[in-house]
N, C-alpha and C. Protein backbone atom coordinates (compact mmCIF):
# COMPACT_ATOMS: atom_id res chain seq x y z
N UNK A 1 20.11 -33.65 -26.24
CA UNK A 1 21.08 -32.52 -26.47
C UNK A 1 19.30 -31.62 -26.67
N UNK A 2 18.91 -31.64 -27.58
CA UNK A 2 17.72 -30.48 -28.37
C UNK A 2 16.86 -30.83 -27.06
N UNK A 3 15.56 -31.44 -26.58
CA UNK A 3 14.85 -31.39 -25.84
C UNK A 3 15.56 -30.87 -24.20
N UNK A 4 17.27 -31.04 -24.01
CA UNK A 4 17.46 -30.34 -22.61
C UNK A 4 18.08 -29.07 -23.05
N UNK A 5 18.55 -28.36 -25.01
CA UNK A 5 18.36 -27.28 -24.52
C UNK A 5 16.89 -26.18 -24.29
N UNK A 6 15.72 -27.11 -24.76
CA UNK A 6 14.79 -26.50 -24.57
C UNK A 6 14.49 -26.10 -23.70
N UNK A 7 14.61 -27.58 -22.58
CA UNK A 7 14.15 -27.12 -20.55
C UNK A 7 14.54 -25.90 -20.54
N UNK A 8 16.32 -26.41 -20.83
CA UNK A 8 16.72 -24.70 -20.22
C UNK A 8 16.52 -23.73 -20.48
N UNK A 9 15.92 -23.41 -22.12
CA UNK A 9 15.72 -22.25 -22.40
C UNK A 9 14.38 -21.55 -21.42
N UNK A 10 13.34 -22.61 -21.75
CA UNK A 10 12.33 -22.84 -20.41
C UNK A 10 12.15 -22.27 -19.62
N UNK A 11 13.28 -23.03 -18.91
CA UNK A 11 14.34 -22.39 -17.06
C UNK A 11 13.89 -20.91 -17.65
N UNK A 12 14.70 -20.62 -18.43
CA UNK A 12 15.23 -19.23 -18.14
C UNK A 12 14.30 -18.55 -18.17
N UNK A 13 12.99 -18.15 -19.61
CA UNK A 13 12.30 -17.80 -19.65
C UNK A 13 11.11 -17.28 -18.26
N UNK A 14 11.09 -18.58 -17.33
CA UNK A 14 10.45 -18.24 -16.37
C UNK A 14 11.07 -17.76 -15.35
N UNK A 15 12.81 -18.20 -15.33
CA UNK A 15 12.63 -17.24 -14.53
C UNK A 15 12.72 -15.58 -14.34
N UNK A 16 12.92 -15.97 -15.78
CA UNK A 16 12.70 -14.11 -16.45
C UNK A 16 11.46 -14.07 -15.62
N UNK A 17 11.23 -14.00 -16.22
CA UNK A 17 9.01 -13.87 -16.02
C UNK A 17 9.20 -13.45 -14.55
N UNK A 18 9.64 -14.36 -13.57
CA UNK A 18 9.29 -14.04 -11.91
C UNK A 18 10.63 -12.85 -11.28
N UNK A 19 11.39 -13.02 -12.06
CA UNK A 19 11.97 -11.82 -12.01
C UNK A 19 11.88 -10.29 -12.18
N UNK A 20 11.04 -10.31 -13.29
CA UNK A 20 10.40 -9.27 -14.40
C UNK A 20 9.19 -8.51 -13.41
N UNK A 21 8.89 -9.54 -12.94
CA UNK A 21 6.91 -9.60 -11.90
C UNK A 21 7.90 -8.45 -10.57
N UNK A 22 9.07 -8.84 -10.49
CA UNK A 22 9.71 -8.44 -8.97
C UNK A 22 10.64 -6.94 -9.14
N UNK A 23 10.73 -6.80 -10.80
CA UNK A 23 11.61 -5.52 -11.14
C UNK A 23 10.14 -4.68 -10.78
N UNK A 24 9.63 -5.06 -11.79
CA UNK A 24 8.30 -4.04 -11.98
C UNK A 24 7.27 -3.37 -11.23
N UNK A 25 7.89 -4.07 -9.61
CA UNK A 25 7.28 -3.31 -8.32
C UNK A 25 8.61 -1.52 -8.80
N UNK A 26 7.49 -0.73 -8.13
CA UNK A 26 8.60 0.90 -7.86
C UNK A 26 9.51 0.36 -7.00
N UNK A 27 10.79 1.61 -7.06
CA UNK A 27 12.40 1.31 -5.68
C UNK A 27 11.67 1.59 -5.06
N UNK A 28 10.57 2.53 -4.03
CA UNK A 28 10.53 2.54 -3.26
C UNK A 28 9.14 0.85 -2.54
N UNK A 29 8.92 0.48 -3.19
CA UNK A 29 7.90 -0.74 -3.38
C UNK A 29 8.99 -1.61 -2.58
N UNK A 30 9.26 -2.06 -4.31
CA UNK A 30 10.19 -3.42 -3.41
C UNK A 30 10.27 -4.16 -2.78
N UNK A 31 11.14 -3.34 -1.54
CA UNK A 31 11.55 -4.01 -0.21
C UNK A 31 10.41 -4.47 0.62
N UNK A 32 8.89 -4.18 -0.26
CA UNK A 32 8.40 -5.03 0.80
C UNK A 32 7.98 -6.66 0.42
N UNK A 33 8.53 -6.58 -0.38
CA UNK A 33 8.28 -8.12 -1.53
C UNK A 33 9.26 -9.11 -0.15
N UNK A 34 10.41 -8.15 -0.31
CA UNK A 34 11.34 -8.99 0.90
C UNK A 34 11.58 -8.60 2.22
N UNK A 35 10.93 -7.36 2.70
CA UNK A 35 11.36 -8.14 4.20
C UNK A 35 10.07 -8.60 5.16
N UNK A 36 10.78 -8.88 6.22
CA UNK A 36 9.91 -9.69 7.00
C UNK A 36 9.20 -8.45 7.50
N UNK A 37 7.93 -8.48 6.68
CA UNK A 37 6.73 -8.35 7.82
C UNK A 37 5.68 -8.28 8.59
N UNK A 38 5.26 -7.42 9.52
CA UNK A 38 4.53 -8.23 10.58
C UNK A 38 2.83 -7.76 9.87
N UNK A 39 1.88 -8.29 9.61
CA UNK A 39 1.08 -7.30 9.04
C UNK A 39 0.09 -7.21 10.05
N UNK A 40 -0.30 -5.44 9.97
CA UNK A 40 -1.93 -5.93 11.03
C UNK A 40 -2.77 -5.31 10.21
N UNK A 41 -3.78 -5.41 11.50
CA UNK A 41 -4.52 -4.80 11.10
C UNK A 41 -6.25 -4.24 11.38
N UNK A 42 -5.40 -3.21 13.15
CA UNK A 42 -6.10 -2.36 13.40
C UNK A 42 -4.97 -1.16 13.55
N UNK A 43 -5.82 0.11 13.40
CA UNK A 43 -5.16 0.93 13.59
C UNK A 43 -4.22 1.52 14.71
N UNK A 44 -5.04 0.60 16.12
CA UNK A 44 -3.57 0.73 17.37
C UNK A 44 -2.54 -0.12 16.30
N UNK A 45 -2.26 -0.60 15.82
CA UNK A 45 -1.22 -1.64 15.47
C UNK A 45 0.18 -1.13 15.10
N UNK A 46 -0.96 0.34 14.58
CA UNK A 46 0.24 1.03 13.60
C UNK A 46 1.15 1.59 14.59
N UNK A 47 2.30 2.02 14.11
CA UNK A 47 3.93 2.40 14.29
C UNK A 47 3.69 3.86 15.02
N UNK A 48 3.33 4.22 16.14
CA UNK A 48 2.55 5.81 17.21
C UNK A 48 2.92 6.97 15.87
N UNK A 49 4.39 6.66 15.11
CA UNK A 49 4.66 7.93 14.39
C UNK A 49 4.27 7.92 13.04
N UNK A 50 3.60 6.69 12.10
CA UNK A 50 3.88 6.68 11.53
C UNK A 50 2.13 7.13 10.58
N UNK A 51 1.17 6.71 11.89
CA UNK A 51 0.07 7.87 12.66
C UNK A 51 -0.01 8.91 12.30
N UNK A 52 0.45 9.74 13.23
CA UNK A 52 0.48 10.86 13.49
C UNK A 52 1.10 11.71 11.85
N UNK A 53 1.91 11.07 11.10
CA UNK A 53 2.43 11.57 9.98
C UNK A 53 1.37 11.52 8.91
N UNK A 54 0.56 10.74 9.10
CA UNK A 54 -1.03 10.34 8.23
C UNK A 54 -1.52 11.59 8.93
N UNK A 55 -2.24 11.35 10.30
CA UNK A 55 -3.49 12.31 10.56
C UNK A 55 -2.70 13.60 10.01
N UNK A 56 -1.55 13.37 10.21
CA UNK A 56 -1.29 15.11 9.69
C UNK A 56 -1.76 15.29 8.09
N UNK A 57 -1.23 14.46 7.34
CA UNK A 57 -2.14 14.32 6.38
C UNK A 57 -3.19 14.89 5.81
N UNK A 58 -4.22 13.84 7.02
CA UNK A 58 -5.85 14.16 7.26
C UNK A 58 -5.74 15.56 6.53
N UNK A 59 -5.36 16.43 6.99
CA UNK A 59 -6.37 17.87 6.87
C UNK A 59 -7.44 18.08 8.38
N UNK A 60 -7.38 17.82 9.61
CA UNK A 60 -8.28 17.99 10.43
C UNK A 60 -9.21 17.10 10.71
N UNK A 61 -9.27 15.85 9.23
CA UNK A 61 -9.53 14.45 9.28
C UNK A 61 -10.15 14.09 10.44
N UNK A 62 -11.13 13.57 11.13
CA UNK A 62 -10.85 13.01 12.43
C UNK A 62 -10.42 10.84 11.86
N UNK A 63 -9.68 10.68 12.83
CA UNK A 63 -9.53 9.37 12.57
C UNK A 63 -9.57 8.31 11.38
N UNK A 64 -8.44 6.96 11.80
CA UNK A 64 -8.46 6.82 10.45
C UNK A 64 -9.69 5.06 10.78
N UNK A 65 -10.64 4.74 10.34
CA UNK A 65 -11.34 3.53 11.27
C UNK A 65 -10.91 2.12 10.42
N UNK A 66 -11.01 1.33 11.74
CA UNK A 66 -10.27 0.08 11.37
C UNK A 66 -11.11 -0.49 10.29
N UNK A 67 -10.74 -1.96 9.64
CA UNK A 67 -11.84 -2.76 9.54
C UNK A 67 -13.13 -2.86 9.59
N UNK A 68 -13.80 -3.48 9.05
CA UNK A 68 -15.13 -3.53 8.69
C UNK A 68 -16.22 -2.66 9.36
N UNK A 69 -15.36 -1.39 10.52
CA UNK A 69 -15.54 -0.37 11.04
C UNK A 69 -16.70 0.69 10.39
N UNK A 70 -18.03 1.41 10.41
CA UNK A 70 -18.52 2.46 9.35
C UNK A 70 -17.27 3.98 9.53
N UNK A 71 -17.99 3.74 8.11
CA UNK A 71 -17.22 5.00 7.59
C UNK A 71 -17.78 6.20 6.18
N UNK A 72 -17.64 7.10 5.84
CA UNK A 72 -17.66 7.82 4.99
C UNK A 72 -17.85 7.77 4.18
N UNK A 73 -18.36 6.34 2.96
CA UNK A 73 -17.91 5.87 1.60
C UNK A 73 -18.08 6.99 0.48
N UNK A 74 -19.40 7.61 0.49
CA UNK A 74 -19.34 8.18 -0.48
C UNK A 74 -19.34 10.32 -0.18
N UNK A 75 -19.84 10.69 -1.17
CA UNK A 75 -19.86 12.41 -0.45
C UNK A 75 -21.27 12.84 -0.11
N UNK A 76 -22.28 11.31 0.26
CA UNK A 76 -23.15 11.69 0.57
C UNK A 76 -22.92 11.63 2.46
N UNK A 77 -22.57 12.82 3.10
CA UNK A 77 -22.17 12.93 3.97
C UNK A 77 -23.90 12.52 5.68
N UNK A 78 -23.64 11.02 5.34
CA UNK A 78 -24.80 10.31 6.70
C UNK A 78 -24.78 11.18 8.63
N UNK A 79 -23.10 10.58 8.42
CA UNK A 79 -22.45 11.29 10.20
C UNK A 79 -21.35 11.78 9.89
N UNK A 80 -20.93 13.25 9.99
CA UNK A 80 -20.45 13.62 9.89
C UNK A 80 -18.65 13.64 10.97
N UNK A 81 -19.91 13.01 11.73
CA UNK A 81 -18.65 12.45 13.23
C UNK A 81 -17.45 11.14 12.57
N UNK A 82 -18.21 10.18 11.55
CA UNK A 82 -17.22 9.05 10.98
C UNK A 82 -16.43 9.72 10.14
N UNK A 83 -14.88 8.46 9.93
CA UNK A 83 -13.66 8.72 9.40
C UNK A 83 -13.82 8.34 8.03
N UNK A 84 -13.16 9.94 7.07
CA UNK A 84 -13.91 9.53 5.70
C UNK A 84 -13.14 8.02 4.47
N UNK A 85 -12.04 7.88 5.44
CA UNK A 85 -11.32 6.79 5.63
C UNK A 85 -11.10 5.13 6.22
N UNK A 86 -10.44 4.39 5.58
CA UNK A 86 -10.57 2.96 6.59
C UNK A 86 -9.25 2.13 6.13
N UNK A 87 -8.66 2.19 7.56
CA UNK A 87 -7.64 0.98 7.08
C UNK A 87 -7.82 -0.65 6.79
N UNK A 88 -7.10 -0.66 5.23
CA UNK A 88 -7.86 -2.81 4.78
C UNK A 88 -6.55 -2.80 5.76
N UNK A 89 -5.05 -2.57 5.57
CA UNK A 89 -4.40 -3.29 5.70
C UNK A 89 -2.65 -3.05 6.17
N UNK A 90 -2.02 -3.04 7.09
CA UNK A 90 -0.61 -2.16 6.86
C UNK A 90 0.62 -3.18 7.45
N UNK A 91 1.51 -2.90 7.00
CA UNK A 91 2.80 -3.78 7.44
C UNK A 91 3.81 -3.68 7.91
N UNK A 92 4.57 -3.62 8.60
CA UNK A 92 5.25 -2.94 9.48
C UNK A 92 6.23 -4.17 9.90
N UNK A 93 8.05 -2.98 9.36
CA UNK A 93 9.44 -3.80 9.58
C UNK A 93 9.68 -2.96 10.40
N UNK A 94 11.29 -3.08 10.49
CA UNK A 94 12.12 -1.75 11.37
C UNK A 94 12.21 -0.99 10.79
N UNK A 95 12.83 -1.03 9.17
CA UNK A 95 13.09 1.04 8.50
C UNK A 95 11.86 0.58 7.30
N UNK A 96 11.50 -0.59 6.62
CA UNK A 96 10.14 -0.05 5.75
C UNK A 96 8.20 -1.04 5.87
N UNK A 97 7.74 0.37 5.64
CA UNK A 97 6.67 0.04 6.48
C UNK A 97 5.57 0.23 5.32
N UNK A 98 4.70 -0.11 5.50
CA UNK A 98 3.03 0.42 5.03
C UNK A 98 2.18 0.54 5.45
N UNK A 99 1.10 1.32 4.66
CA UNK A 99 -0.41 1.22 5.15
C UNK A 99 -1.76 1.22 4.45
N UNK A 100 -2.15 1.03 4.10
CA UNK A 100 -3.14 0.48 3.07
C UNK A 100 -4.73 0.76 3.34
N UNK A 101 -5.53 1.75 2.78
CA UNK A 101 -6.56 2.69 3.34
C UNK A 101 -8.18 2.76 2.62
N UNK A 102 -9.40 2.34 2.52
CA UNK A 102 -9.71 2.91 1.78
C UNK A 102 -9.93 4.70 1.56
N UNK A 103 -10.20 4.98 1.19
CA UNK A 103 -11.09 6.76 0.82
C UNK A 103 -11.98 7.05 0.22
N UNK A 104 -12.70 7.52 1.52
CA UNK A 104 -14.05 7.27 0.88
C UNK A 104 -14.59 8.90 0.47
N UNK A 105 -15.69 9.46 -0.24
CA UNK A 105 -15.85 11.07 -0.80
C UNK A 105 -16.05 10.63 -2.18
N UNK A 106 -16.38 11.57 -2.66
CA UNK A 106 -16.42 11.75 -4.45
C UNK A 106 -14.59 10.83 -5.01
N UNK A 107 -14.89 10.02 -5.61
CA UNK A 107 -14.16 9.40 -6.22
C UNK A 107 -13.27 8.09 -5.02
N UNK A 108 -14.61 7.45 -4.63
CA UNK A 108 -13.78 6.27 -3.74
C UNK A 108 -12.49 6.18 -4.45
N UNK A 109 -11.39 5.67 -3.70
CA UNK A 109 -10.13 5.04 -4.16
C UNK A 109 -9.78 4.20 -2.72
N UNK A 110 -8.77 3.97 -3.29
CA UNK A 110 -7.48 3.63 -1.69
C UNK A 110 -6.49 4.00 -2.48
N UNK A 111 -5.08 4.12 -0.87
CA UNK A 111 -4.34 4.69 -1.14
C UNK A 111 -3.09 3.53 -0.97
N UNK A 112 -1.84 3.08 -0.93
CA UNK A 112 -1.04 2.14 -0.77
C UNK A 112 0.20 3.45 -0.08
N UNK A 113 0.34 3.80 1.41
CA UNK A 113 1.37 4.78 1.61
C UNK A 113 2.55 3.77 2.09
N UNK A 114 3.58 3.43 1.88
CA UNK A 114 5.25 3.53 1.80
C UNK A 114 5.97 4.56 2.79
N UNK A 115 6.09 3.88 3.89
CA UNK A 115 7.24 4.29 4.91
C UNK A 115 8.97 4.40 4.71
N UNK A 116 9.69 4.47 5.09
CA UNK A 116 11.18 4.36 4.97
C UNK A 116 11.40 5.24 6.04
N UNK A 117 12.48 4.51 7.22
CA UNK A 117 12.82 4.80 7.69
C UNK A 117 14.35 5.27 7.78
N UNK A 118 14.66 6.64 7.55
CA UNK A 118 15.76 7.75 7.77
C UNK A 118 15.95 7.81 9.05
N UNK A 119 17.77 7.37 9.43
CA UNK A 119 18.39 8.23 10.44
C UNK A 119 17.10 8.41 11.78
N UNK A 120 16.76 7.15 11.49
CA UNK A 120 15.19 7.09 13.19
C UNK A 120 13.79 8.07 12.93
N UNK A 121 14.23 8.19 11.83
CA UNK A 121 12.62 9.46 11.24
C UNK A 121 12.11 7.97 10.50
N UNK A 122 10.76 8.31 10.39
CA UNK A 122 10.13 7.74 9.41
C UNK A 122 9.69 8.82 7.98
N UNK A 123 9.53 8.53 6.59
CA UNK A 123 9.34 9.34 5.60
C UNK A 123 8.83 8.60 4.57
N UNK A 124 8.20 9.62 4.10
CA UNK A 124 6.62 8.72 3.24
C UNK A 124 7.61 8.63 1.96
N UNK A 125 7.93 7.33 1.26
CA UNK A 125 8.87 7.07 0.23
C UNK A 125 7.58 6.84 -0.93
N UNK A 126 6.13 6.33 -0.94
CA UNK A 126 5.51 6.40 -1.89
C UNK A 126 4.36 6.54 -1.73
N UNK A 127 2.77 7.45 -2.38
CA UNK A 127 1.85 7.34 -1.93
C UNK A 127 1.16 7.65 -2.95
N UNK A 128 0.77 5.78 -3.69
CA UNK A 128 0.17 5.32 -4.21
C UNK A 128 -1.17 5.45 -4.44
N UNK A 129 -2.32 6.01 -5.29
CA UNK A 129 -4.06 5.49 -5.20
C UNK A 129 -4.39 4.83 -6.50
N UNK A 130 -5.32 4.54 -6.13
CA UNK A 130 -5.95 4.31 -7.81
C UNK A 130 -6.85 2.76 -6.64
N UNK A 131 -6.55 1.81 -7.34
CA UNK A 131 -7.75 0.70 -7.29
C UNK A 131 -6.81 -0.47 -6.79
N UNK A 132 -7.40 -2.19 -6.53
CA UNK A 132 -7.44 -3.09 -6.46
C UNK A 132 -8.59 -4.07 -6.26
N UNK A 133 -7.88 -5.46 -6.69
CA UNK A 133 -8.19 -6.23 -6.74
C UNK A 133 -9.36 -7.04 -5.38
N UNK A 134 -7.62 -6.93 -4.55
CA UNK A 134 -8.21 -7.43 -3.10
C UNK A 134 -7.44 -6.85 -2.28
N UNK A 135 -7.72 -7.09 -0.81
CA UNK A 135 -7.27 -6.36 0.25
C UNK A 135 -6.66 -7.11 0.65
N UNK A 136 -5.46 -8.12 0.55
CA UNK A 136 -4.43 -8.83 0.90
C UNK A 136 -3.06 -8.10 0.49
N UNK A 137 -1.56 -8.07 0.48
CA UNK A 137 -0.61 -7.42 0.50
C UNK A 137 -0.60 -7.60 -1.28
N UNK A 138 -0.40 -9.50 -1.04
CA UNK A 138 -0.01 -9.68 -2.86
C UNK A 138 -1.06 -8.84 -3.71
N UNK A 139 -2.63 -8.93 -3.61
CA UNK A 139 -3.28 -7.90 -4.47
C UNK A 139 -2.95 -6.32 -4.43
N UNK A 140 -2.43 -6.41 -3.52
CA UNK A 140 -2.50 -5.03 -3.41
C UNK A 140 -0.46 -4.64 -4.38
N UNK A 141 0.54 -5.75 -3.64
CA UNK A 141 1.22 -4.96 -5.13
C UNK A 141 1.10 -5.73 -6.38
N UNK A 142 0.00 -6.87 -6.93
CA UNK A 142 -0.19 -6.93 -8.10
C UNK A 142 -0.77 -5.30 -8.73
N UNK A 143 -1.35 -5.24 -7.48
CA UNK A 143 -1.99 -3.54 -8.82
C UNK A 143 -1.18 -2.83 -8.61
N UNK A 144 -0.35 -2.57 -7.95
CA UNK A 144 1.13 -1.36 -8.29
C UNK A 144 2.10 -1.91 -9.42
N UNK A 145 1.85 -3.27 -9.81
CA UNK A 145 2.64 -3.97 -10.83
C UNK A 145 1.73 -3.36 -12.22
N UNK A 146 0.68 -3.50 -11.71
CA UNK A 146 -0.42 -3.52 -12.63
C UNK A 146 -0.71 -1.80 -13.46
N UNK A 147 0.45 -0.86 -12.45
CA UNK A 147 -0.49 0.63 -11.49
C UNK A 147 -1.80 0.39 -12.01
N UNK A 148 -2.01 -0.31 -11.90
CA UNK A 148 -4.23 0.71 -11.16
C UNK A 148 -3.60 1.27 -9.64
N UNK A 149 -2.40 0.53 -8.84
CA UNK A 149 -2.25 2.01 -8.23
C UNK A 149 -1.33 2.23 -8.22
N UNK A 150 -1.00 3.80 -8.10
CA UNK A 150 0.38 4.86 -8.77
C UNK A 150 0.27 5.53 -7.86
N UNK A 151 1.89 6.38 -7.98
CA UNK A 151 2.23 7.10 -7.06
C UNK A 151 2.36 8.66 -8.30
N UNK A 152 1.89 9.34 -8.00
CA UNK A 152 2.15 10.17 -8.84
C UNK A 152 2.91 11.73 -7.51
N UNK A 153 4.14 11.79 -7.96
CA UNK A 153 4.67 12.22 -6.77
C UNK A 153 4.20 14.20 -6.56
N UNK A 154 3.21 14.58 -7.83
CA UNK A 154 3.34 15.51 -7.33
C UNK A 154 1.54 15.73 -6.22
N UNK A 155 1.13 14.48 -6.03
CA UNK A 155 -0.29 14.85 -4.92
C UNK A 155 0.29 14.71 -3.93
N UNK A 156 -0.52 15.54 -2.81
CA UNK A 156 -0.46 15.99 -1.41
C UNK A 156 -1.70 14.91 -1.02
N UNK A 157 -2.51 13.78 -1.70
CA UNK A 157 -4.15 13.63 -1.23
C UNK A 157 -3.49 12.78 -0.91
N UNK A 158 -4.07 12.44 0.96
CA UNK A 158 -3.87 11.40 1.69
C UNK A 158 -5.31 10.89 1.72
């Protein structure tokens, strides 16, 4: 009986820890772990409306580079025709999507932007900036949970 209670308690703690990790995601990001996302690795595969919103936020800076393409990763501009941002990964679902990209220049960092469709129109729900140990979805979500990628509602930086 004592052993059964110990095992039950251990199972409850393990389940709580799994749920706590899920709950640690900010509300706008949490659906990404439940949605069936199609992961894409090219800029051309990103929803056109989402890409248009991002390009407006880039304030005239040329396109978002594809993974492994050259871009300006530092503030030492060697080729002004290169973009200063490069796609890491995007995830697309009917009502909740994200785009993660590198942002070069002074203070290299990552962006993790979550979009939600509201009455047929995409809206930015989360604009996380910071760092991640990896470029896959699990690593990016872990960085959000650990607050290495975090949203600043006052930030207009993209």
